[in-house]
PDB file of all heavy atoms in Angstrom:
ATOM      1  N   GLY A   1      67.001 -24.154  42.476  1.00  0.00           N
ATOM      2  CA  GLY A   1      67.610 -24.677  41.263  1.00  0.00           C
ATOM      3  C   GLY A   1      67.181 -26.102  40.991  1.00  0.00           C
ATOM      4  O   GLY A   1      66.407 -26.699  41.736  1.00  0.00           O
ATOM      5  N   THR A   2      67.740 -26.634  39.914  1.00  0.00           N
ATOM      6  CA  THR A   2      67.412 -27.966  39.430  1.00  0.00           C
ATOM      7  C   THR A   2      68.698 -28.692  39.084  1.00  0.00           C
ATOM      8  O   THR A   2      69.648 -28.076  38.609  1.00  0.00           O
ATOM      9  CB  THR A   2      66.546 -27.860  38.153  1.00  0.00           C
ATOM     10  OG1 THR A   2      65.418 -27.044  38.436  1.00  0.00           O
ATOM     11  CG2 THR A   2      66.078 -29.204  37.685  1.00  0.00           C
ATOM     12  N   SER A   3      68.718 -30.013  39.298  1.00  0.00           N
ATOM     13  CA  SER A   3      69.866 -30.800  38.871  1.00  0.00           C
ATOM     14  C   SER A   3      69.891 -30.868  37.353  1.00  0.00           C
ATOM     15  O   SER A   3      68.907 -30.538  36.687  1.00  0.00           O
ATOM     16  CB  SER A   3      69.795 -32.204  39.461  1.00  0.00           C
ATOM     17  OG  SER A   3      68.730 -32.920  38.878  1.00  0.00           O
ATOM     18  N   LYS A   4      71.002 -31.304  36.805  1.00  0.00           N
ATOM     19  CA  LYS A   4      71.154 -31.343  35.344  1.00  0.00           C
ATOM     20  C   LYS A   4      70.040 -32.093  34.638  1.00  0.00           C
ATOM     21  O   LYS A   4      69.509 -31.645  33.655  1.00  0.00           O
ATOM     22  CB  LYS A   4      72.505 -31.959  34.975  1.00  0.00           C
ATOM     23  CG  LYS A   4      73.650 -31.026  35.196  1.00  0.00           C
ATOM     24  CD  LYS A   4      74.938 -31.645  34.689  1.00  0.00           C
ATOM     25  CE  LYS A   4      76.083 -30.685  34.939  1.00  0.00           C
ATOM     26  NZ  LYS A   4      77.338 -31.204  34.424  1.00  0.00           N
ATOM     27  N   GLY A   5      69.687 -33.233  35.136  1.00  0.00           N
ATOM     28  CA  GLY A   5      68.650 -34.024  34.483  1.00  0.00           C
ATOM     29  C   GLY A   5      67.251 -33.715  34.971  1.00  0.00           C
ATOM     30  O   GLY A   5      66.313 -34.420  34.642  1.00  0.00           O
ATOM     31  N   SER A   6      67.090 -32.690  35.756  1.00  0.00           N
ATOM     32  CA  SER A   6      65.799 -32.297  36.343  1.00  0.00           C
ATOM     33  C   SER A   6      65.212 -33.384  37.232  1.00  0.00           C
ATOM     34  O   SER A   6      64.016 -33.416  37.475  1.00  0.00           O
ATOM     35  CB  SER A   6      64.794 -31.909  35.259  1.00  0.00           C
ATOM     36  OG  SER A   6      65.247 -30.781  34.573  1.00  0.00           O
ATOM     37  N   ALA A   7      66.063 -34.275  37.750  1.00  0.00           N
ATOM     38  CA  ALA A   7      65.583 -35.330  38.640  1.00  0.00           C
ATOM     39  C   ALA A   7      65.546 -34.867  40.085  1.00  0.00           C
ATOM     40  O   ALA A   7      65.026 -35.566  40.952  1.00  0.00           O
ATOM     41  CB  ALA A   7      66.472 -36.563  38.515  1.00  0.00           C
ATOM     42  N   ALA A   8      66.108 -33.699  40.352  1.00  0.00           N
ATOM     43  CA  ALA A   8      66.120 -33.169  41.716  1.00  0.00           C
ATOM     44  C   ALA A   8      66.004 -31.648  41.672  1.00  0.00           C
ATOM     45  O   ALA A   8      66.450 -31.008  40.716  1.00  0.00           O
ATOM     46  CB  ALA A   8      67.395 -33.582  42.434  1.00  0.00           C
ATOM     47  N   HIS A   9      65.404 -31.106  42.691  1.00  0.00           N
ATOM     48  CA  HIS A   9      65.268 -29.656  42.850  1.00  0.00           C
ATOM     49  C   HIS A   9      65.754 -29.300  44.246  1.00  0.00           C
ATOM     50  O   HIS A   9      65.715 -30.125  45.161  1.00  0.00           O
ATOM     51  CB  HIS A   9      63.801 -29.221  42.704  1.00  0.00           C
ATOM     52  CG  HIS A   9      63.241 -29.434  41.353  1.00  0.00           C
ATOM     53  ND1 HIS A   9      63.356 -28.511  40.343  1.00  0.00           N
ATOM     54  CD2 HIS A   9      62.546 -30.470  40.833  1.00  0.00           C
ATOM     55  CE1 HIS A   9      62.760 -28.974  39.269  1.00  0.00           C
ATOM     56  NE2 HIS A   9      62.254 -30.156  39.532  1.00  0.00           N
ATOM     57  N   TYR A  10      66.158 -28.056  44.415  1.00  0.00           N
ATOM     58  CA  TYR A  10      66.549 -27.600  45.740  1.00  0.00           C
ATOM     59  C   TYR A  10      66.112 -26.161  45.940  1.00  0.00           C
ATOM     60  O   TYR A  10      65.865 -25.429  44.984  1.00  0.00           O
ATOM     61  CB  TYR A  10      68.063 -27.731  45.955  1.00  0.00           C
ATOM     62  CG  TYR A  10      68.886 -26.860  45.047  1.00  0.00           C
ATOM     63  CD1 TYR A  10      69.252 -25.571  45.434  1.00  0.00           C
ATOM     64  CD2 TYR A  10      69.290 -27.313  43.795  1.00  0.00           C
ATOM     65  CE1 TYR A  10      69.998 -24.755  44.583  1.00  0.00           C
ATOM     66  CE2 TYR A  10      70.033 -26.511  42.957  1.00  0.00           C
ATOM     67  CZ  TYR A  10      70.396 -25.241  43.351  1.00  0.00           C
ATOM     68  OH  TYR A  10      71.119 -24.429  42.513  1.00  0.00           O
ATOM     69  N   CYS A  11      66.011 -25.800  47.196  1.00  0.00           N
ATOM     70  CA  CYS A  11      65.647 -24.440  47.577  1.00  0.00           C
ATOM     71  C   CYS A  11      66.441 -24.106  48.836  1.00  0.00           C
ATOM     72  O   CYS A  11      66.573 -24.942  49.731  1.00  0.00           O
ATOM     73  CB  CYS A  11      64.149 -24.369  47.854  1.00  0.00           C
ATOM     74  SG  CYS A  11      63.607 -22.774  48.528  1.00  0.00           S
ATOM     75  N   ILE A  12      66.952 -22.894  48.889  1.00  0.00           N
ATOM     76  CA  ILE A  12      67.686 -22.415  50.052  1.00  0.00           C
ATOM     77  C   ILE A  12      67.016 -21.117  50.496  1.00  0.00           C
ATOM     78  O   ILE A  12      66.677 -20.273  49.658  1.00  0.00           O
ATOM     79  CB  ILE A  12      69.166 -22.156  49.718  1.00  0.00           C
ATOM     80  CG1 ILE A  12      69.824 -23.442  49.207  1.00  0.00           C
ATOM     81  CG2 ILE A  12      69.910 -21.599  50.927  1.00  0.00           C
ATOM     82  CD1 ILE A  12      71.195 -23.233  48.593  1.00  0.00           C
ATOM     83  N   GLY A  13      66.825 -20.985  51.786  1.00  0.00           N
ATOM     84  CA  GLY A  13      66.193 -19.777  52.298  1.00  0.00           C
ATOM     85  C   GLY A  13      66.617 -19.477  53.711  1.00  0.00           C
ATOM     86  O   GLY A  13      67.358 -20.249  54.337  1.00  0.00           O
ATOM     87  N   ASN A  14      66.155 -18.352  54.218  1.00  0.00           N
ATOM     88  CA  ASN A  14      66.443 -17.926  55.580  1.00  0.00           C
ATOM     89  C   ASN A  14      65.145 -17.868  56.373  1.00  0.00           C
ATOM     90  O   ASN A  14      64.180 -17.252  55.938  1.00  0.00           O
ATOM     91  CB  ASN A  14      67.105 -16.550  55.590  1.00  0.00           C
ATOM     92  CG  ASN A  14      68.468 -16.574  54.949  1.00  0.00           C
ATOM     93  OD1 ASN A  14      69.244 -17.498  55.141  1.00  0.00           O
ATOM     94  ND2 ASN A  14      68.760 -15.564  54.161  1.00  0.00           N
ATOM     95  N   MET A  15      65.170 -18.523  57.535  1.00  0.00           N
ATOM     96  CA  MET A  15      64.019 -18.514  58.419  1.00  0.00           C
ATOM     97  C   MET A  15      64.381 -17.729  59.679  1.00  0.00           C
ATOM     98  O   MET A  15      65.339 -18.057  60.370  1.00  0.00           O
ATOM     99  CB  MET A  15      63.624 -19.945  58.805  1.00  0.00           C
ATOM    100  CG  MET A  15      62.356 -20.016  59.639  1.00  0.00           C
ATOM    101  SD  MET A  15      61.943 -21.698  60.140  1.00  0.00           S
ATOM    102  CE  MET A  15      62.974 -21.855  61.593  1.00  0.00           C
ATOM    103  N   GLU A  16      63.604 -16.703  59.940  1.00  0.00           N
ATOM    104  CA  GLU A  16      63.808 -15.875  61.137  1.00  0.00           C
ATOM    105  C   GLU A  16      62.877 -16.363  62.233  1.00  0.00           C
ATOM    106  O   GLU A  16      61.695 -16.625  61.991  1.00  0.00           O
ATOM    107  CB  GLU A  16      63.485 -14.411  60.837  1.00  0.00           C
ATOM    108  CG  GLU A  16      64.397 -13.754  59.835  1.00  0.00           C
ATOM    109  CD  GLU A  16      65.767 -13.422  60.391  1.00  0.00           C
ATOM    110  OE1 GLU A  16      65.892 -13.194  61.609  1.00  0.00           O
ATOM    111  OE2 GLU A  16      66.716 -13.419  59.591  1.00  0.00           O
ATOM    112  N   THR A  17      63.410 -16.473  63.443  1.00  0.00           N
ATOM    113  CA  THR A  17      62.605 -16.756  64.623  1.00  0.00           C
ATOM    114  C   THR A  17      62.859 -15.625  65.622  1.00  0.00           C
ATOM    115  O   THR A  17      63.681 -14.741  65.357  1.00  0.00           O
ATOM    116  CB  THR A  17      62.966 -18.112  65.261  1.00  0.00           C
ATOM    117  OG1 THR A  17      64.254 -18.021  65.862  1.00  0.00           O
ATOM    118  CG2 THR A  17      62.938 -19.243  64.236  1.00  0.00           C
ATOM    119  N   LYS A  18      62.208 -15.688  66.745  1.00  0.00           N
ATOM    120  CA  LYS A  18      62.399 -14.652  67.765  1.00  0.00           C
ATOM    121  C   LYS A  18      63.851 -14.609  68.236  1.00  0.00           C
ATOM    122  O   LYS A  18      64.411 -13.539  68.461  1.00  0.00           O
ATOM    123  CB  LYS A  18      61.461 -14.918  68.943  1.00  0.00           C
ATOM    124  CG  LYS A  18      61.567 -13.930  70.065  1.00  0.00           C
ATOM    125  CD  LYS A  18      60.630 -14.298  71.197  1.00  0.00           C
ATOM    126  CE  LYS A  18      60.899 -13.405  72.392  1.00  0.00           C
ATOM    127  NZ  LYS A  18      60.239 -13.889  73.583  1.00  0.00           N
ATOM    128  N   ASP A  19      64.469 -15.781  68.367  1.00  0.00           N
ATOM    129  CA  ASP A  19      65.798 -15.862  68.971  1.00  0.00           C
ATOM    130  C   ASP A  19      66.945 -16.173  68.010  1.00  0.00           C
ATOM    131  O   ASP A  19      68.101 -16.074  68.417  1.00  0.00           O
ATOM    132  CB  ASP A  19      65.791 -16.940  70.068  1.00  0.00           C
ATOM    133  CG  ASP A  19      64.800 -16.622  71.164  1.00  0.00           C
ATOM    134  OD1 ASP A  19      64.730 -15.448  71.574  1.00  0.00           O
ATOM    135  OD2 ASP A  19      64.089 -17.547  71.604  1.00  0.00           O
ATOM    136  N   ALA A  20      66.646 -16.554  66.776  1.00  0.00           N
ATOM    137  CA  ALA A  20      67.729 -16.986  65.884  1.00  0.00           C
ATOM    138  C   ALA A  20      67.318 -16.888  64.418  1.00  0.00           C
ATOM    139  O   ALA A  20      66.149 -16.736  64.096  1.00  0.00           O
ATOM    140  CB  ALA A  20      68.123 -18.433  66.203  1.00  0.00           C
ATOM    141  N   THR A  21      68.324 -17.004  63.572  1.00  0.00           N
ATOM    142  CA  THR A  21      68.119 -17.126  62.135  1.00  0.00           C
ATOM    143  C   THR A  21      68.637 -18.498  61.715  1.00  0.00           C
ATOM    144  O   THR A  21      69.710 -18.918  62.145  1.00  0.00           O
ATOM    145  CB  THR A  21      68.884 -16.028  61.374  1.00  0.00           C
ATOM    146  OG1 THR A  21      68.396 -14.755  61.791  1.00  0.00           O
ATOM    147  CG2 THR A  21      68.704 -16.169  59.872  1.00  0.00           C
ATOM    148  N   PHE A  22      67.863 -19.183  60.882  1.00  0.00           N
ATOM    149  CA  PHE A  22      68.256 -20.493  60.379  1.00  0.00           C
ATOM    150  C   PHE A  22      68.357 -20.433  58.862  1.00  0.00           C
ATOM    151  O   PHE A  22      67.490 -19.864  58.205  1.00  0.00           O
ATOM    152  CB  PHE A  22      67.227 -21.561  60.768  1.00  0.00           C
ATOM    153  CG  PHE A  22      67.195 -21.868  62.230  1.00  0.00           C
ATOM    154  CD1 PHE A  22      66.394 -21.127  63.089  1.00  0.00           C
ATOM    155  CD2 PHE A  22      67.954 -22.892  62.752  1.00  0.00           C
ATOM    156  CE1 PHE A  22      66.344 -21.394  64.444  1.00  0.00           C
ATOM    157  CE2 PHE A  22      67.929 -23.181  64.106  1.00  0.00           C
ATOM    158  CZ  PHE A  22      67.126 -22.426  64.955  1.00  0.00           C
ATOM    159  N   ARG A  23      69.405 -21.022  58.341  1.00  0.00           N
ATOM    160  CA  ARG A  23      69.532 -21.221  56.901  1.00  0.00           C
ATOM    161  C   ARG A  23      68.842 -22.551  56.633  1.00  0.00           C
ATOM    162  O   ARG A  23      69.158 -23.561  57.275  1.00  0.00           O
ATOM    163  CB  ARG A  23      71.012 -21.279  56.518  1.00  0.00           C
ATOM    164  CG  ARG A  23      71.253 -21.345  55.045  1.00  0.00           C
ATOM    165  CD  ARG A  23      70.984 -20.001  54.422  1.00  0.00           C
ATOM    166  NE  ARG A  23      71.763 -19.877  53.198  1.00  0.00           N
ATOM    167  CZ  ARG A  23      71.802 -18.810  52.478  1.00  0.00           C
ATOM    168  NH1 ARG A  23      71.139 -17.736  52.851  1.00  0.00           N
ATOM    169  NH2 ARG A  23      72.489 -18.752  51.385  1.00  0.00           N
ATOM    170  N   VAL A  24      67.880 -22.555  55.734  1.00  0.00           N
ATOM    171  CA  VAL A  24      67.074 -23.747  55.461  1.00  0.00           C
ATOM    172  C   VAL A  24      67.417 -24.278  54.070  1.00  0.00           C
ATOM    173  O   VAL A  24      67.418 -23.523  53.096  1.00  0.00           O
ATOM    174  CB  VAL A  24      65.564 -23.431  55.556  1.00  0.00           C
ATOM    175  CG1 VAL A  24      64.735 -24.682  55.294  1.00  0.00           C
ATOM    176  CG2 VAL A  24      65.219 -22.826  56.907  1.00  0.00           C
ATOM    177  N   TYR A  25      67.711 -25.567  54.007  1.00  0.00           N
ATOM    178  CA  TYR A  25      68.020 -26.243  52.751  1.00  0.00           C
ATOM    179  C   TYR A  25      66.953 -27.312  52.523  1.00  0.00           C
ATOM    180  O   TYR A  25      66.720 -28.161  53.376  1.00  0.00           O
ATOM    181  CB  TYR A  25      69.382 -26.926  52.812  1.00  0.00           C
ATOM    182  CG  TYR A  25      70.523 -25.973  53.071  1.00  0.00           C
ATOM    183  CD1 TYR A  25      70.891 -25.624  54.368  1.00  0.00           C
ATOM    184  CD2 TYR A  25      71.235 -25.410  52.014  1.00  0.00           C
ATOM    185  CE1 TYR A  25      71.931 -24.747  54.608  1.00  0.00           C
ATOM    186  CE2 TYR A  25      72.284 -24.531  52.246  1.00  0.00           C
ATOM    187  CZ  TYR A  25      72.625 -24.208  53.545  1.00  0.00           C
ATOM    188  OH  TYR A  25      73.658 -23.333  53.779  1.00  0.00           O
ATOM    189  N   ILE A  26      66.324 -27.258  51.367  1.00  0.00           N
ATOM    190  CA  ILE A  26      65.285 -28.227  50.997  1.00  0.00           C
ATOM    191  C   ILE A  26      65.752 -28.928  49.727  1.00  0.00           C
ATOM    192  O   ILE A  26      66.056 -28.280  48.729  1.00  0.00           O
ATOM    193  CB  ILE A  26      63.940 -27.521  50.720  1.00  0.00           C
ATOM    194  CG1 ILE A  26      63.549 -26.624  51.888  1.00  0.00           C
ATOM    195  CG2 ILE A  26      62.855 -28.549  50.412  1.00  0.00           C
ATOM    196  CD1 ILE A  26      62.480 -25.608  51.533  1.00  0.00           C
ATOM    197  N   TYR A  27      65.825 -30.249  49.774  1.00  0.00           N
ATOM    198  CA  TYR A  27      66.249 -31.037  48.625  1.00  0.00           C
ATOM    199  C   TYR A  27      65.121 -31.995  48.264  1.00  0.00           C
ATOM    200  O   TYR A  27      64.662 -32.768  49.104  1.00  0.00           O
ATOM    201  CB  TYR A  27      67.529 -31.812  48.951  1.00  0.00           C
ATOM    202  CG  TYR A  27      68.035 -32.671  47.833  1.00  0.00           C
ATOM    203  CD1 TYR A  27      68.711 -32.115  46.750  1.00  0.00           C
ATOM    204  CD2 TYR A  27      67.836 -34.045  47.855  1.00  0.00           C
ATOM    205  CE1 TYR A  27      69.171 -32.912  45.716  1.00  0.00           C
ATOM    206  CE2 TYR A  27      68.299 -34.846  46.821  1.00  0.00           C
ATOM    207  CZ  TYR A  27      68.961 -34.274  45.765  1.00  0.00           C
ATOM    208  OH  TYR A  27      69.418 -35.065  44.732  1.00  0.00           O
ATOM    209  N   LEU A  28      64.660 -31.915  47.021  1.00  0.00           N
ATOM    210  CA  LEU A  28      63.554 -32.752  46.558  1.00  0.00           C
ATOM    211  C   LEU A  28      64.032 -33.678  45.452  1.00  0.00           C
ATOM    212  O   LEU A  28      64.781 -33.255  44.565  1.00  0.00           O
ATOM    213  CB  LEU A  28      62.425 -31.879  46.001  1.00  0.00           C
ATOM    214  CG  LEU A  28      61.821 -30.870  46.951  1.00  0.00           C
ATOM    215  CD1 LEU A  28      62.307 -29.483  46.611  1.00  0.00           C
ATOM    216  CD2 LEU A  28      60.320 -30.914  46.881  1.00  0.00           C
ATOM    217  N   GLU A  29      63.574 -34.929  45.516  1.00  0.00           N
ATOM    218  CA  GLU A  29      63.869 -35.900  44.460  1.00  0.00           C
ATOM    219  C   GLU A  29      62.566 -36.429  43.874  1.00  0.00           C
ATOM    220  O   GLU A  29      61.548 -36.471  44.559  1.00  0.00           O
ATOM    221  CB  GLU A  29      64.669 -37.082  45.012  1.00  0.00           C
ATOM    222  CG  GLU A  29      66.106 -36.788  45.244  1.00  0.00           C
ATOM    223  CD  GLU A  29      66.897 -38.022  45.642  1.00  0.00           C
ATOM    224  OE1 GLU A  29      66.309 -39.014  46.132  1.00  0.00           O
ATOM    225  OE2 GLU A  29      68.107 -37.982  45.465  1.00  0.00           O
ATOM    226  N   LYS A  30      62.662 -36.859  42.638  1.00  0.00           N
ATOM    227  CA  LYS A  30      61.483 -37.399  41.962  1.00  0.00           C
ATOM    228  C   LYS A  30      61.167 -38.794  42.498  1.00  0.00           C
ATOM    229  O   LYS A  30      62.027 -39.666  42.533  1.00  0.00           O
ATOM    230  CB  LYS A  30      61.710 -37.449  40.455  1.00  0.00           C
ATOM    231  CG  LYS A  30      60.450 -37.688  39.683  1.00  0.00           C
ATOM    232  CD  LYS A  30      60.617 -37.359  38.237  1.00  0.00           C
ATOM    233  CE  LYS A  30      59.255 -37.362  37.580  1.00  0.00           C
ATOM    234  NZ  LYS A  30      59.294 -36.865  36.244  1.00  0.00           N
ATOM    235  N   VAL A  31      59.929 -38.956  42.939  1.00  0.00           N
ATOM    236  CA  VAL A  31      59.421 -40.236  43.420  1.00  0.00           C
ATOM    237  C   VAL A  31      58.166 -40.505  42.610  1.00  0.00           C
ATOM    238  O   VAL A  31      57.178 -39.781  42.734  1.00  0.00           O
ATOM    239  CB  VAL A  31      59.091 -40.192  44.933  1.00  0.00           C
ATOM    240  CG1 VAL A  31      58.479 -41.500  45.390  1.00  0.00           C
ATOM    241  CG2 VAL A  31      60.316 -39.837  45.744  1.00  0.00           C
ATOM    242  N   ALA A  32      58.216 -41.528  41.766  1.00  0.00           N
ATOM    243  CA  ALA A  32      57.128 -41.817  40.825  1.00  0.00           C
ATOM    244  C   ALA A  32      56.923 -40.587  39.940  1.00  0.00           C
ATOM    245  O   ALA A  32      57.837 -40.187  39.255  1.00  0.00           O
ATOM    246  CB  ALA A  32      55.870 -42.250  41.551  1.00  0.00           C
ATOM    247  N   GLU A  33      55.770 -39.947  40.009  1.00  0.00           N
ATOM    248  CA  GLU A  33      55.493 -38.785  39.162  1.00  0.00           C
ATOM    249  C   GLU A  33      55.640 -37.452  39.885  1.00  0.00           C
ATOM    250  O   GLU A  33      55.470 -36.404  39.283  1.00  0.00           O
ATOM    251  CB  GLU A  33      54.072 -38.899  38.570  1.00  0.00           C
ATOM    252  CG  GLU A  33      53.899 -40.079  37.643  1.00  0.00           C
ATOM    253  CD  GLU A  33      54.832 -40.016  36.434  1.00  0.00           C
ATOM    254  OE1 GLU A  33      54.959 -38.944  35.812  1.00  0.00           O
ATOM    255  OE2 GLU A  33      55.445 -41.054  36.119  1.00  0.00           O
ATOM    256  N   ASP A  34      55.909 -37.504  41.184  1.00  0.00           N
ATOM    257  CA  ASP A  34      55.981 -36.282  41.979  1.00  0.00           C
ATOM    258  C   ASP A  34      57.381 -36.064  42.533  1.00  0.00           C
ATOM    259  O   ASP A  34      58.175 -36.996  42.615  1.00  0.00           O
ATOM    260  CB  ASP A  34      55.005 -36.358  43.161  1.00  0.00           C
ATOM    261  CG  ASP A  34      53.568 -36.389  42.736  1.00  0.00           C
ATOM    262  OD1 ASP A  34      53.223 -35.685  41.774  1.00  0.00           O
ATOM    263  OD2 ASP A  34      52.778 -37.119  43.368  1.00  0.00           O
ATOM    264  N   PHE A  35      57.648 -34.846  42.958  1.00  0.00           N
ATOM    265  CA  PHE A  35      58.875 -34.542  43.676  1.00  0.00           C
ATOM    266  C   PHE A  35      58.546 -34.513  45.158  1.00  0.00           C
ATOM    267  O   PHE A  35      57.548 -33.920  45.568  1.00  0.00           O
ATOM    268  CB  PHE A  35      59.462 -33.202  43.230  1.00  0.00           C
ATOM    269  CG  PHE A  35      60.158 -33.287  41.913  1.00  0.00           C
ATOM    270  CD1 PHE A  35      59.467 -33.109  40.743  1.00  0.00           C
ATOM    271  CD2 PHE A  35      61.509 -33.575  41.857  1.00  0.00           C
ATOM    272  CE1 PHE A  35      60.103 -33.200  39.514  1.00  0.00           C
ATOM    273  CE2 PHE A  35      62.167 -33.673  40.637  1.00  0.00           C
ATOM    274  CZ  PHE A  35      61.461 -33.491  39.466  1.00  0.00           C
ATOM    275  N   LYS A  36      59.364 -35.188  45.951  1.00  0.00           N
ATOM    276  CA  LYS A  36      59.165 -35.272  47.393  1.00  0.00           C
ATOM    277  C   LYS A  36      60.415 -34.776  48.103  1.00  0.00           C
ATOM    278  O   LYS A  36      61.538 -34.947  47.620  1.00  0.00           O
ATOM    279  CB  LYS A  36      58.878 -36.717  47.822  1.00  0.00           C
ATOM    280  CG  LYS A  36      57.608 -37.294  47.239  1.00  0.00           C
ATOM    281  CD  LYS A  36      56.384 -36.608  47.791  1.00  0.00           C
ATOM    282  CE  LYS A  36      55.102 -37.223  47.262  1.00  0.00           C
ATOM    283  NZ  LYS A  36      53.929 -36.550  47.776  1.00  0.00           N
TER     284      LYS A  36
END
């Protein structure tokens, strides 16, 4: 998704490993002209 002003984006996903499952949260903010 995207924040209201499109200044931030996020992604949520599931990462499977041999021994566990991890919920992964990625939050990106605009830095200059790119999202980091």
